[in-house]
């Protein structure tokens, strides 16, 4: 099963998203956004940029 983004409102009324793997495990969480549209833009940004992102090991 493919992963999915979940868009939701937190207890403070802010909009957030989380990315879940196919097995249901949460693998990424977005920040709090003031609007649903801003949270959707965050999802779109992850979709557009994650595939080409480099790994920077800071250990």
Protein backbone atom coordinates (compact mmCIF):
# COMPACT_ATOMS: atom_id res chain seq x y z
CA UNK A 1 0.00 0.00 0.00
CA UNK A 2 1.23 3.50 -0.81
CA UNK A 3 1.88 6.14 1.79
CA UNK A 4 -0.53 8.99 2.40
CA UNK A 5 -0.66 12.52 3.73
CA UNK A 6 -3.21 13.25 6.45
CA UNK A 7 -4.34 16.87 6.80
CA UNK A 8 -5.97 17.69 10.14
CA UNK A 9 -6.73 20.41 12.67
CA UNK A 10 -5.00 20.19 16.05
CA UNK A 11 -6.50 21.06 19.45
CA UNK A 12 -5.37 24.69 19.09
CA UNK A 13 -7.23 25.05 15.78
CA UNK A 14 -4.06 25.05 13.67
CA UNK A 15 -3.75 22.96 10.53
CA UNK A 16 -1.11 20.24 10.33
CA UNK A 17 -0.17 17.31 8.17
CA UNK A 18 1.55 14.02 8.72
CA UNK A 19 2.94 11.56 6.21
CA UNK A 20 2.20 7.92 6.90
CA UNK A 21 3.92 4.94 5.32
CA UNK A 22 1.87 2.16 3.77
CA UNK A 23 1.96 0.27 7.06
CA UNK A 24 0.41 3.23 8.93
CA UNK A 25 3.60 4.38 10.66
CA UNK A 26 4.04 8.16 10.84
CA UNK A 27 7.27 9.04 9.04
CA UNK A 28 7.04 12.85 8.85
CA UNK A 29 5.09 15.63 10.55
CA UNK A 30 4.58 19.18 9.31
CA UNK A 31 4.57 22.36 11.38
CA UNK A 32 1.42 24.18 12.50
CA UNK A 33 -0.20 26.36 9.83
CA UNK A 34 -2.77 29.13 10.26
CA UNK A 35 -4.86 28.03 7.30
CA UNK A 36 -5.81 24.81 5.57
CA UNK A 37 -4.49 26.23 2.29
CA UNK A 38 -1.09 26.91 3.86
CA UNK A 39 -0.93 23.33 5.16
CA UNK A 40 -1.82 22.04 1.69
CA UNK A 41 1.00 24.17 0.29
CA UNK A 42 3.33 22.47 2.80
CA UNK A 43 2.22 19.06 1.53
CA UNK A 44 2.72 20.16 -2.07
CA UNK A 45 6.21 21.42 -1.21
CA UNK A 46 7.19 18.09 0.35
CA UNK A 47 5.87 16.25 -2.70
CA UNK A 48 7.80 18.52 -5.07
CA UNK A 49 11.10 18.64 -3.19
CA UNK A 50 11.57 15.44 -1.18
CA UNK A 51 12.50 13.23 -4.11
CA UNK A 52 15.50 15.37 -5.00
CA UNK A 53 16.56 16.33 -1.47
CA UNK A 54 20.07 15.41 -0.39
CA UNK A 55 20.96 13.87 2.97
CA UNK A 56 23.23 16.01 5.15
CA UNK A 57 24.72 13.91 7.95
CA UNK A 58 25.34 16.23 10.89
CA UNK A 59 26.41 13.59 13.37
